[in-house]
Amino acid sequence: MATRRVAPRRRGRTTVALALVGFFLVTISVIGRRSWGRALQRDLSGIERTRTQLSGEVIKLESEIRSASSRNRLAPLVESTLGMRVPADTQVIDLQVTEVPRVAP
């Protein structure tokens, strides 16, 4: 008759050691996940800070564009550089715009 093998029983020390190793692995994974989350939060706050600065710079540049393209600033520059001037009201002639009837093709 064949002898049947019986699996060896685990002792209490082995079970406790396996439980401690499992707890250790879970603890390490939780700590790693939290530190990874903190690193991501630092990156996100840096990106948000950069976005805010760039938004402010866009507003500043738009203001400078409006200022540089204003009539008060362009008029002296055009007069000195190109020799142009704003005509008097008596020199302005308004032309009548007549509409040409459209012919259907």
PDB file of N, CA and C in Angstrom:
ATOM      1  N   MET A   1       0.820  -1.151   0.000  1.00  0.00           N
ATOM      2  CA  MET A   1       0.000   0.000   0.000  1.00  0.00           C
ATOM      3  C   MET A   1       0.887   1.246   0.000  1.00  0.00           C
ATOM      4  N   ALA A   2       0.462   2.265  -0.758  1.00  0.00           N
ATOM      5  CA  ALA A   2       1.270   3.475  -0.875  1.00  0.00           C
ATOM      6  C   ALA A   2       1.049   4.353   0.345  1.00  0.00           C
ATOM      7  N   THR A   3       2.118   4.948   0.744  1.00  0.00           N
ATOM      8  CA  THR A   3       1.991   5.841   1.901  1.00  0.00           C
ATOM      9  C   THR A   3       1.590   7.234   1.424  1.00  0.00           C
ATOM     10  N   ARG A   4       0.750   7.782   2.129  1.00  0.00           N
ATOM     11  CA  ARG A   4       0.249   9.094   1.764  1.00  0.00           C
ATOM     12  C   ARG A   4       1.096  10.151   2.455  1.00  0.00           C
ATOM     13  N   ARG A   5       1.468  11.169   1.612  1.00  0.00           N
ATOM     14  CA  ARG A   5       2.271  12.244   2.205  1.00  0.00           C
ATOM     15  C   ARG A   5       1.353  13.282   2.809  1.00  0.00           C
ATOM     16  N   VAL A   6       1.677  13.732   3.920  1.00  0.00           N
ATOM     17  CA  VAL A   6       0.902  14.749   4.602  1.00  0.00           C
ATOM     18  C   VAL A   6       1.730  16.033   4.596  1.00  0.00           C
ATOM     19  N   ALA A   7       1.061  17.105   4.198  1.00  0.00           N
ATOM     20  CA  ALA A   7       1.765  18.388   4.167  1.00  0.00           C
ATOM     21  C   ALA A   7       2.158  18.771   5.579  1.00  0.00           C
ATOM     22  N   PRO A   8       3.375  19.278   5.712  1.00  0.00           N
ATOM     23  CA  PRO A   8       3.805  19.645   7.066  1.00  0.00           C
ATOM     24  C   PRO A   8       2.980  20.836   7.567  1.00  0.00           C
ATOM     25  N   ARG A   9       2.667  20.803   8.801  1.00  0.00           N
ATOM     26  CA  ARG A   9       1.883  21.870   9.405  1.00  0.00           C
ATOM     27  C   ARG A   9       2.778  23.071   9.692  1.00  0.00           C
ATOM     28  N   ARG A  10       2.204  24.199   9.494  1.00  0.00           N
ATOM     29  CA  ARG A  10       2.969  25.406   9.793  1.00  0.00           C
ATOM     30  C   ARG A  10       2.955  25.627  11.294  1.00  0.00           C
ATOM     31  N   ARG A  11       4.054  26.046  11.729  1.00  0.00           N
ATOM     32  CA  ARG A  11       4.145  26.357  13.153  1.00  0.00           C
ATOM     33  C   ARG A  11       3.691  27.801  13.367  1.00  0.00           C
ATOM     34  N   GLY A  12       3.506  28.177  14.534  1.00  0.00           N
ATOM     35  CA  GLY A  12       3.049  29.523  14.892  1.00  0.00           C
ATOM     36  C   GLY A  12       4.070  30.584  14.508  1.00  0.00           C
ATOM     37  N   ARG A  13       5.347  30.249  14.618  1.00  0.00           N
ATOM     38  CA  ARG A  13       6.394  31.219  14.283  1.00  0.00           C
ATOM     39  C   ARG A  13       6.380  31.554  12.787  1.00  0.00           C
ATOM     40  N   THR A  14       6.166  30.564  11.961  1.00  0.00           N
ATOM     41  CA  THR A  14       6.131  30.778  10.510  1.00  0.00           C
ATOM     42  C   THR A  14       4.947  31.663  10.136  1.00  0.00           C
ATOM     43  N   THR A  15       3.805  31.412  10.731  1.00  0.00           N
ATOM     44  CA  THR A  15       2.613  32.217  10.442  1.00  0.00           C
ATOM     45  C   THR A  15       2.828  33.663  10.870  1.00  0.00           C
ATOM     46  N   VAL A  16       3.404  33.870  12.010  1.00  0.00           N
ATOM     47  CA  VAL A  16       3.672  35.230  12.503  1.00  0.00           C
ATOM     48  C   VAL A  16       4.691  35.913  11.597  1.00  0.00           C
ATOM     49  N   ALA A  17       5.722  35.186  11.166  1.00  0.00           N
ATOM     50  CA  ALA A  17       6.748  35.768  10.288  1.00  0.00           C
ATOM     51  C   ALA A  17       6.124  36.170   8.949  1.00  0.00           C
ATOM     52  N   LEU A  18       5.270  35.329   8.377  1.00  0.00           N
ATOM     53  CA  LEU A  18       4.616  35.656   7.117  1.00  0.00           C
ATOM     54  C   LEU A  18       3.679  36.864   7.279  1.00  0.00           C
ATOM     55  N   ALA A  19       2.977  36.927   8.390  1.00  0.00           N
ATOM     56  CA  ALA A  19       2.097  38.062   8.648  1.00  0.00           C
ATOM     57  C   ALA A  19       2.909  39.348   8.777  1.00  0.00           C
ATOM     58  N   LEU A  20       4.051  39.293   9.452  1.00  0.00           N
ATOM     59  CA  LEU A  20       4.903  40.474   9.596  1.00  0.00           C
ATOM     60  C   LEU A  20       5.475  40.924   8.244  1.00  0.00           C
ATOM     61  N   VAL A  21       5.877  39.967   7.412  1.00  0.00           N
ATOM     62  CA  VAL A  21       6.399  40.306   6.088  1.00  0.00           C
ATOM     63  C   VAL A  21       5.291  40.948   5.249  1.00  0.00           C
ATOM     64  N   GLY A  22       4.081  40.404   5.301  1.00  0.00           N
ATOM     65  CA  GLY A  22       2.948  40.994   4.579  1.00  0.00           C
ATOM     66  C   GLY A  22       2.648  42.406   5.062  1.00  0.00           C
ATOM     67  N   PHE A  23       2.637  42.588   6.372  1.00  0.00           N
ATOM     68  CA  PHE A  23       2.397  43.913   6.938  1.00  0.00           C
ATOM     69  C   PHE A  23       3.482  44.892   6.495  1.00  0.00           C
ATOM     70  N   PHE A  24       4.732  44.429   6.497  1.00  0.00           N
ATOM     71  CA  PHE A  24       5.859  45.254   6.077  1.00  0.00           C
ATOM     72  C   PHE A  24       5.702  45.690   4.609  1.00  0.00           C
ATOM     73  N   LEU A  25       5.310  44.769   3.749  1.00  0.00           N
ATOM     74  CA  LEU A  25       5.122  45.093   2.330  1.00  0.00           C
ATOM     75  C   LEU A  25       3.975  46.084   2.130  1.00  0.00           C
ATOM     76  N   VAL A  26       2.880  45.891   2.847  1.00  0.00           N
ATOM     77  CA  VAL A  26       1.754  46.818   2.739  1.00  0.00           C
ATOM     78  C   VAL A  26       2.162  48.199   3.239  1.00  0.00           C
ATOM     79  N   THR A  27       2.881  48.262   4.322  1.00  0.00           N
ATOM     80  CA  THR A  27       3.326  49.535   4.886  1.00  0.00           C
ATOM     81  C   THR A  27       4.241  50.269   3.916  1.00  0.00           C
ATOM     82  N   ILE A  28       5.174  49.546   3.327  1.00  0.00           N
ATOM     83  CA  ILE A  28       6.090  50.168   2.360  1.00  0.00           C
ATOM     84  C   ILE A  28       5.313  50.689   1.150  1.00  0.00           C
ATOM     85  N   SER A  29       4.339  49.938   0.671  1.00  0.00           N
ATOM     86  CA  SER A  29       3.571  50.398  -0.498  1.00  0.00           C
ATOM     87  C   SER A  29       2.742  51.641  -0.163  1.00  0.00           C
ATOM     88  N   VAL A  30       2.183  51.715   1.035  1.00  0.00           N
ATOM     89  CA  VAL A  30       1.405  52.898   1.438  1.00  0.00           C
ATOM     90  C   VAL A  30       2.310  54.123   1.536  1.00  0.00           C
ATOM     91  N   ILE A  31       3.464  53.965   2.142  1.00  0.00           N
ATOM     92  CA  ILE A  31       4.398  55.082   2.278  1.00  0.00           C
ATOM     93  C   ILE A  31       4.883  55.536   0.901  1.00  0.00           C
ATOM     94  N   GLY A  32       5.182  54.594   0.015  1.00  0.00           N
ATOM     95  CA  GLY A  32       5.614  54.944  -1.345  1.00  0.00           C
ATOM     96  C   GLY A  32       4.536  55.681  -2.114  1.00  0.00           C
ATOM     97  N   ARG A  33       3.299  55.229  -1.972  1.00  0.00           N
ATOM     98  CA  ARG A  33       2.186  55.885  -2.660  1.00  0.00           C
ATOM     99  C   ARG A  33       1.988  57.308  -2.144  1.00  0.00           C
ATOM    100  N   ARG A  34       2.117  57.506  -0.858  1.00  0.00           N
ATOM    101  CA  ARG A  34       1.950  58.847  -0.291  1.00  0.00           C
ATOM    102  C   ARG A  34       3.069  59.777  -0.734  1.00  0.00           C
ATOM    103  N   SER A  35       4.299  59.304  -0.764  1.00  0.00           N
ATOM    104  CA  SER A  35       5.403  60.167  -1.198  1.00  0.00           C
ATOM    105  C   SER A  35       5.291  60.468  -2.687  1.00  0.00           C
ATOM    106  N   TRP A  36       4.808  59.528  -3.486  1.00  0.00           N
ATOM    107  CA  TRP A  36       4.580  59.767  -4.908  1.00  0.00           C
ATOM    108  C   TRP A  36       3.481  60.818  -5.086  1.00  0.00           C
ATOM    109  N   GLY A  37       2.434  60.735  -4.280  1.00  0.00           N
ATOM    110  CA  GLY A  37       1.351  61.723  -4.335  1.00  0.00           C
ATOM    111  C   GLY A  37       1.835  63.114  -3.955  1.00  0.00           C
ATOM    112  N   ARG A  38       2.696  63.197  -2.971  1.00  0.00           N
ATOM    113  CA  ARG A  38       3.243  64.502  -2.576  1.00  0.00           C
ATOM    114  C   ARG A  38       4.111  65.087  -3.681  1.00  0.00           C
ATOM    115  N   ALA A  39       4.892  64.239  -4.343  1.00  0.00           N
ATOM    116  CA  ALA A  39       5.713  64.723  -5.460  1.00  0.00           C
ATOM    117  C   ALA A  39       4.829  65.242  -6.590  1.00  0.00           C
ATOM    118  N   LEU A  40       3.748  64.531  -6.884  1.00  0.00           N
ATOM    119  CA  LEU A  40       2.820  64.999  -7.917  1.00  0.00           C
ATOM    120  C   LEU A  40       2.176  66.317  -7.515  1.00  0.00           C
ATOM    121  N   GLN A  41       1.832  66.464  -6.245  1.00  0.00           N
ATOM    122  CA  GLN A  41       1.222  67.706  -5.763  1.00  0.00           C
ATOM    123  C   GLN A  41       2.193  68.871  -5.915  1.00  0.00           C
ATOM    124  N   ARG A  42       3.483  68.638  -5.613  1.00  0.00           N
ATOM    125  CA  ARG A  42       4.488  69.682  -5.793  1.00  0.00           C
ATOM    126  C   ARG A  42       4.581  70.089  -7.258  1.00  0.00           C
ATOM    127  N   ASP A  43       4.586  69.107  -8.151  1.00  0.00           N
ATOM    128  CA  ASP A  43       4.638  69.401  -9.585  1.00  0.00           C
ATOM    129  C   ASP A  43       3.410  70.189 -10.028  1.00  0.00           C
ATOM    130  N   LEU A  44       2.235  69.780  -9.573  1.00  0.00           N
ATOM    131  CA  LEU A  44       1.006  70.468  -9.955  1.00  0.00           C
ATOM    132  C   LEU A  44       0.980  71.908  -9.453  1.00  0.00           C
ATOM    133  N   SER A  45       1.438  72.129  -8.239  1.00  0.00           N
ATOM    134  CA  SER A  45       1.440  73.501  -7.714  1.00  0.00           C
ATOM    135  C   SER A  45       2.443  74.359  -8.477  1.00  0.00           C
ATOM    136  N   GLY A  46       3.573  73.777  -8.884  1.00  0.00           N
ATOM    137  CA  GLY A  46       4.533  74.519  -9.707  1.00  0.00           C
ATOM    138  C   GLY A  46       3.956  74.883 -11.058  1.00  0.00           C
ATOM    139  N   ILE A  47       3.236  73.947 -11.671  1.00  0.00           N
ATOM    140  CA  ILE A  47       2.601  74.210 -12.964  1.00  0.00           C
ATOM    141  C   ILE A  47       1.535  75.289 -12.815  1.00  0.00           C
ATOM    142  N   GLU A  48       0.759  75.228 -11.749  1.00  0.00           N
ATOM    143  CA  GLU A  48      -0.287  76.229 -11.511  1.00  0.00           C
ATOM    144  C   GLU A  48       0.330  77.611 -11.304  1.00  0.00           C
ATOM    145  N   ARG A  49       1.436  77.665 -10.577  1.00  0.00           N
ATOM    146  CA  ARG A  49       2.120  78.939 -10.344  1.00  0.00           C
ATOM    147  C   ARG A  49       2.636  79.508 -11.673  1.00  0.00           C
ATOM    148  N   THR A  50       3.200  78.654 -12.515  1.00  0.00           N
ATOM    149  CA  THR A  50       3.685  79.087 -13.828  1.00  0.00           C
ATOM    150  C   THR A  50       2.529  79.581 -14.693  1.00  0.00           C
ATOM    151  N   ARG A  51       1.404  78.878 -14.653  1.00  0.00           N
ATOM    152  CA  ARG A  51       0.232  79.281 -15.439  1.00  0.00           C
ATOM    153  C   ARG A  51      -0.276  80.642 -14.997  1.00  0.00           C
ATOM    154  N   THR A  52      -0.290  80.890 -13.702  1.00  0.00           N
ATOM    155  CA  THR A  52      -0.725  82.184 -13.178  1.00  0.00           C
ATOM    156  C   THR A  52       0.216  83.300 -13.629  1.00  0.00           C
ATOM    157  N   GLN A  53       1.521  83.041 -13.578  1.00  0.00           N
ATOM    158  CA  GLN A  53       2.488  84.043 -14.020  1.00  0.00           C
ATOM    159  C   GLN A  53       2.330  84.338 -15.507  1.00  0.00           C
ATOM    160  N   LEU A  54       2.138  83.295 -16.308  1.00  0.00           N
ATOM    161  CA  LEU A  54       1.975  83.501 -17.742  1.00  0.00           C
ATOM    162  C   LEU A  54       0.683  84.239 -18.062  1.00  0.00           C
ATOM    163  N   SER A  55      -0.361  83.968 -17.299  1.00  0.00           N
ATOM    164  CA  SER A  55      -1.623  84.681 -17.494  1.00  0.00           C
ATOM    165  C   SER A  55      -1.439  86.164 -17.202  1.00  0.00           C
ATOM    166  N   GLY A  56      -0.729  86.484 -16.154  1.00  0.00           N
ATOM    167  CA  GLY A  56      -0.434  87.886 -15.836  1.00  0.00           C
ATOM    168  C   GLY A  56       0.416  88.542 -16.911  1.00  0.00           C
ATOM    169  N   GLU A  57       1.359  87.786 -17.455  1.00  0.00           N
ATOM    170  CA  GLU A  57       2.213  88.332 -18.511  1.00  0.00           C
ATOM    171  C   GLU A  57       1.402  88.600 -19.784  1.00  0.00           C
ATOM    172  N   VAL A  58       0.449  87.743 -20.093  1.00  0.00           N
ATOM    173  CA  VAL A  58      -0.413  87.950 -21.262  1.00  0.00           C
ATOM    174  C   VAL A  58      -1.210  89.238 -21.094  1.00  0.00           C
ATOM    175  N   ILE A  59      -1.765  89.451 -19.913  1.00  0.00           N
ATOM    176  CA  ILE A  59      -2.535  90.670 -19.652  1.00  0.00           C
ATOM    177  C   ILE A  59      -1.643  91.905 -19.793  1.00  0.00           C
ATOM    178  N   LYS A  60      -0.421  91.821 -19.272  1.00  0.00           N
ATOM    179  CA  LYS A  60       0.519  92.941 -19.366  1.00  0.00           C
ATOM    180  C   LYS A  60       0.878  93.227 -20.825  1.00  0.00           C
ATOM    181  N   LEU A  61       1.146  92.186 -21.605  1.00  0.00           N
ATOM    182  CA  LEU A  61       1.504  92.372 -23.014  1.00  0.00           C
ATOM    183  C   LEU A  61       0.337  92.936 -23.826  1.00  0.00           C
ATOM    184  N   GLU A  62      -0.884  92.481 -23.547  1.00  0.00           N
ATOM    185  CA  GLU A  62      -2.047  93.043 -24.237  1.00  0.00           C
ATOM    186  C   GLU A  62      -2.205  94.517 -23.922  1.00  0.00           C
ATOM    187  N   SER A  63      -1.931  94.904 -22.697  1.00  0.00           N
ATOM    188  CA  SER A  63      -2.004  96.312 -22.312  1.00  0.00           C
ATOM    189  C   SER A  63      -0.944  97.120 -23.056  1.00  0.00           C
ATOM    190  N   GLU A  64       0.258  96.576 -23.169  1.00  0.00           N
ATOM    191  CA  GLU A  64       1.323  97.264 -23.894  1.00  0.00           C
ATOM    192  C   GLU A  64       0.983  97.402 -25.378  1.00  0.00           C
ATOM    193  N   ILE A  65       0.357  96.392 -25.957  1.00  0.00           N
ATOM    194  CA  ILE A  65      -0.052  96.454 -27.366  1.00  0.00           C
ATOM    195  C   ILE A  65      -1.091  97.558 -27.562  1.00  0.00           C
ATOM    196  N   ARG A  66      -2.089  97.610 -26.677  1.00  0.00           N
ATOM    197  CA  ARG A  66      -3.102  98.671 -26.774  1.00  0.00           C
ATOM    198  C   ARG A  66      -2.464 100.042 -26.645  1.00  0.00           C
ATOM    199  N   SER A  67      -1.517 100.168 -25.725  1.00  0.00           N
ATOM    200  CA  SER A  67      -0.855 101.450 -25.519  1.00  0.00           C
ATOM    201  C   SER A  67      -0.012 101.832 -26.739  1.00  0.00           C
ATOM    202  N   ALA A  68       0.708 100.866 -27.305  1.00  0.00           N
ATOM    203  CA  ALA A  68       1.580 101.160 -28.445  1.00  0.00           C
ATOM    204  C   ALA A  68       0.801 101.450 -29.712  1.00  0.00           C
ATOM    205  N   SER A  69      -0.397 100.916 -29.832  1.00  0.00           N
ATOM    206  CA  SER A  69      -1.174 101.127 -31.053  1.00  0.00           C
ATOM    207  C   SER A  69      -2.204 102.251 -30.912  1.00  0.00           C
ATOM    208  N   SER A  70      -2.136 103.015 -29.839  1.00  0.00           N
ATOM    209  CA  SER A  70      -3.091 104.115 -29.665  1.00  0.00           C
ATOM    210  C   SER A  70      -2.730 105.280 -30.586  1.00  0.00           C
ATOM    211  N   ARG A  71      -3.723 106.081 -30.932  1.00  0.00           N
ATOM    212  CA  ARG A  71      -3.520 107.213 -31.838  1.00  0.00           C
ATOM    213  C   ARG A  71      -2.562 108.235 -31.227  1.00  0.00           C
ATOM    214  N   ASN A  72      -2.626 108.444 -29.925  1.00  0.00           N
ATOM    215  CA  ASN A  72      -1.754 109.431 -29.279  1.00  0.00           C
ATOM    216  C   ASN A  72      -0.281 109.062 -29.418  1.00  0.00           C
ATOM    217  N   ARG A  73       0.002 107.800 -29.439  1.00  0.00           N
ATOM    218  CA  ARG A  73       1.398 107.368 -29.534  1.00  0.00           C
ATOM    219  C   ARG A  73       1.855 107.255 -30.988  1.00  0.00           C
ATOM    220  N   LEU A  74       0.949 106.840 -31.875  1.00  0.00           N
ATOM    221  CA  LEU A  74       1.321 106.648 -33.272  1.00  0.00           C
ATOM    222  C   LEU A  74       1.408 107.958 -34.054  1.00  0.00           C
ATOM    223  N   ALA A  75       0.573 108.944 -33.722  1.00  0.00           N
ATOM    224  CA  ALA A  75       0.531 110.188 -34.487  1.00  0.00           C
ATOM    225  C   ALA A  75       1.894 110.887 -34.546  1.00  0.00           C
ATOM    226  N   PRO A  76       2.580 111.132 -33.425  1.00  0.00           N
ATOM    227  CA  PRO A  76       3.894 111.792 -33.521  1.00  0.00           C
ATOM    228  C   PRO A  76       4.913 110.948 -34.287  1.00  0.00           C
ATOM    229  N   LEU A  77       4.851 109.644 -34.126  1.00  0.00           N
ATOM    230  CA  LEU A  77       5.792 108.764 -34.805  1.00  0.00           C
ATOM    231  C   LEU A  77       5.574 108.799 -36.321  1.00  0.00           C
ATOM    232  N   VAL A  78       4.322 108.775 -36.746  1.00  0.00           N
ATOM    233  CA  VAL A  78       4.011 108.815 -38.171  1.00  0.00           C
ATOM    234  C   VAL A  78       4.371 110.171 -38.763  1.00  0.00           C
ATOM    235  N   GLU A  79       4.096 111.246 -38.030  1.00  0.00           N
ATOM    236  CA  GLU A  79       4.427 112.577 -38.527  1.00  0.00           C
ATOM    237  C   GLU A  79       5.931 112.755 -38.699  1.00  0.00           C
ATOM    238  N   SER A  80       6.715 112.293 -37.747  1.00  0.00           N
ATOM    239  CA  SER A  80       8.162 112.486 -37.830  1.00  0.00           C
ATOM    240  C   SER A  80       8.819 111.521 -38.813  1.00  0.00           C
ATOM    241  N   THR A  81       8.395 110.293 -38.849  1.00  0.00           N
ATOM    242  CA  THR A  81       9.038 109.299 -39.696  1.00  0.00           C
ATOM    243  C   THR A  81       8.563 109.360 -41.139  1.00  0.00           C
ATOM    244  N   LEU A  82       7.257 109.383 -41.343  1.00  0.00           N
ATOM    245  CA  LEU A  82       6.702 109.303 -42.691  1.00  0.00           C
ATOM    246  C   LEU A  82       6.287 110.653 -43.262  1.00  0.00           C
ATOM    247  N   GLY A  83       6.294 111.684 -42.443  1.00  0.00           N
ATOM    248  CA  GLY A  83       5.894 112.999 -42.917  1.00  0.00           C
ATOM    249  C   GLY A  83       4.395 113.117 -43.144  1.00  0.00           C
ATOM    250  N   MET A  84       3.620 112.274 -42.544  1.00  0.00           N
ATOM    251  CA  MET A  84       2.168 112.317 -42.707  1.00  0.00           C
ATOM    252  C   MET A  84       1.568 113.178 -41.604  1.00  0.00           C
ATOM    253  N   ARG A  85       0.377 113.707 -41.867  1.00  0.00           N
ATOM    254  CA  ARG A  85      -0.307 114.493 -40.851  1.00  0.00           C
ATOM    255  C   ARG A  85      -1.801 114.259 -40.980  1.00  0.00           C
ATOM    256  N   VAL A  86      -2.539 114.604 -39.950  1.00  0.00           N
ATOM    257  CA  VAL A  86      -3.990 114.474 -39.964  1.00  0.00           C
ATOM    258  C   VAL A  86      -4.542 115.669 -40.726  1.00  0.00           C
ATOM    259  N   PRO A  87      -5.383 115.465 -41.743  1.00  0.00           N
ATOM    260  CA  PRO A  87      -5.887 116.585 -42.535  1.00  0.00           C
ATOM    261  C   PRO A  87      -6.928 117.389 -41.755  1.00  0.00           C
ATOM    262  N   ALA A  88      -7.085 118.630 -42.145  1.00  0.00           N
ATOM    263  CA  ALA A  88      -8.124 119.475 -41.551  1.00  0.00           C
ATOM    264  C   ALA A  88      -9.476 119.011 -42.077  1.00  0.00           C
ATOM    265  N   ASP A  89     -10.529 119.399 -41.391  1.00  0.00           N
ATOM    266  CA  ASP A  89     -11.868 118.977 -41.805  1.00  0.00           C
ATOM    267  C   ASP A  89     -12.232 119.502 -43.195  1.00  0.00           C
ATOM    268  N   THR A  90     -11.693 120.664 -43.574  1.00  0.00           N
ATOM    269  CA  THR A  90     -12.006 121.219 -44.888  1.00  0.00           C
ATOM    270  C   THR A  90     -11.319 120.448 -46.004  1.00  0.00           C
ATOM    271  N   GLN A  91     -10.296 119.685 -45.686  1.00  0.00           N
ATOM    272  CA  GLN A  91      -9.567 118.931 -46.696  1.00  0.00           C
ATOM    273  C   GLN A  91     -10.137 117.529 -46.918  1.00  0.00           C
ATOM    274  N   VAL A  92     -11.076 117.130 -46.104  1.00  0.00           N
ATOM    275  CA  VAL A  92     -11.640 115.789 -46.192  1.00  0.00           C
ATOM    276  C   VAL A  92     -12.846 115.824 -47.114  1.00  0.00           C
ATOM    277  N   ILE A  93     -12.889 114.925 -48.070  1.00  0.00           N
ATOM    278  CA  ILE A  93     -14.018 114.820 -48.984  1.00  0.00           C
ATOM    279  C   ILE A  93     -14.667 113.458 -48.774  1.00  0.00           C
ATOM    280  N   ASP A  94     -15.947 113.478 -48.447  1.00  0.00           N
ATOM    281  CA  ASP A  94     -16.687 112.236 -48.271  1.00  0.00           C
ATOM    282  C   ASP A  94     -17.286 111.834 -49.608  1.00  0.00           C
ATOM    283  N   LEU A  95     -17.044 110.630 -50.030  1.00  0.00           N
ATOM    284  CA  LEU A  95     -17.565 110.129 -51.293  1.00  0.00           C
ATOM    285  C   LEU A  95     -18.817 109.312 -51.048  1.00  0.00           C
ATOM    286  N   GLN A  96     -19.747 109.470 -51.965  1.00  0.00           N
ATOM    287  CA  GLN A  96     -20.990 108.691 -51.884  1.00  0.00           C
ATOM    288  C   GLN A  96     -20.708 107.269 -52.377  1.00  0.00           C
ATOM    289  N   VAL A  97     -21.232 106.321 -51.694  1.00  0.00           N
ATOM    290  CA  VAL A  97     -21.083 104.933 -52.102  1.00  0.00           C
ATOM    291  C   VAL A  97     -22.392 104.506 -52.747  1.00  0.00           C
ATOM    292  N   THR A  98     -22.311 104.141 -53.999  1.00  0.00           N
ATOM    293  CA  THR A  98     -23.504 103.678 -54.673  1.00  0.00           C
ATOM    294  C   THR A  98     -23.423 102.167 -54.814  1.00  0.00           C
ATOM    295  N   GLU A  99     -24.556 101.549 -54.595  1.00  0.00           N
ATOM    296  CA  GLU A  99     -24.573 100.107 -54.712  1.00  0.00           C
ATOM    297  C   GLU A  99     -24.827  99.713 -56.151  1.00  0.00           C
ATOM    298  N   VAL A 100     -24.049  98.787 -56.609  1.00  0.00           N
ATOM    299  CA  VAL A 100     -24.210  98.282 -57.974  1.00  0.00           C
ATOM    300  C   VAL A 100     -25.189  97.117 -57.895  1.00  0.00           C
ATOM    301  N   PRO A 101     -26.247  97.154 -58.718  1.00  0.00           N
ATOM    302  CA  PRO A 101     -27.178  96.026 -58.666  1.00  0.00           C
ATOM    303  C   PRO A 101     -26.469  94.759 -59.154  1.00  0.00           C
ATOM    304  N   ARG A 102     -26.713  93.712 -58.441  1.00  0.00           N
ATOM    305  CA  ARG A 102     -26.086  92.437 -58.791  1.00  0.00           C
ATOM    306  C   ARG A 102     -26.954  91.702 -59.787  1.00  0.00           C
ATOM    307  N   VAL A 103     -26.290  91.166 -60.767  1.00  0.00           N
ATOM    308  CA  VAL A 103     -26.999  90.411 -61.785  1.00  0.00           C
ATOM    309  C   VAL A 103     -26.810  88.936 -61.495  1.00  0.00           C
ATOM    310  N   ALA A 104     -27.898  88.225 -61.473  1.00  0.00           N
ATOM    311  CA  ALA A 104     -27.813  86.787 -61.208  1.00  0.00           C
ATOM    312  C   ALA A 104     -27.159  86.092 -62.390  1.00  0.00           C
ATOM    313  N   PRO A 105     -26.304  85.151 -62.169  1.00  0.00           N
ATOM    314  CA  PRO A 105     -25.644  84.457 -63.281  1.00  0.00           C
ATOM    315  C   PRO A 105     -26.596  83.578 -64.056  1.00  0.00           C
TER     316      PRO A 105
END
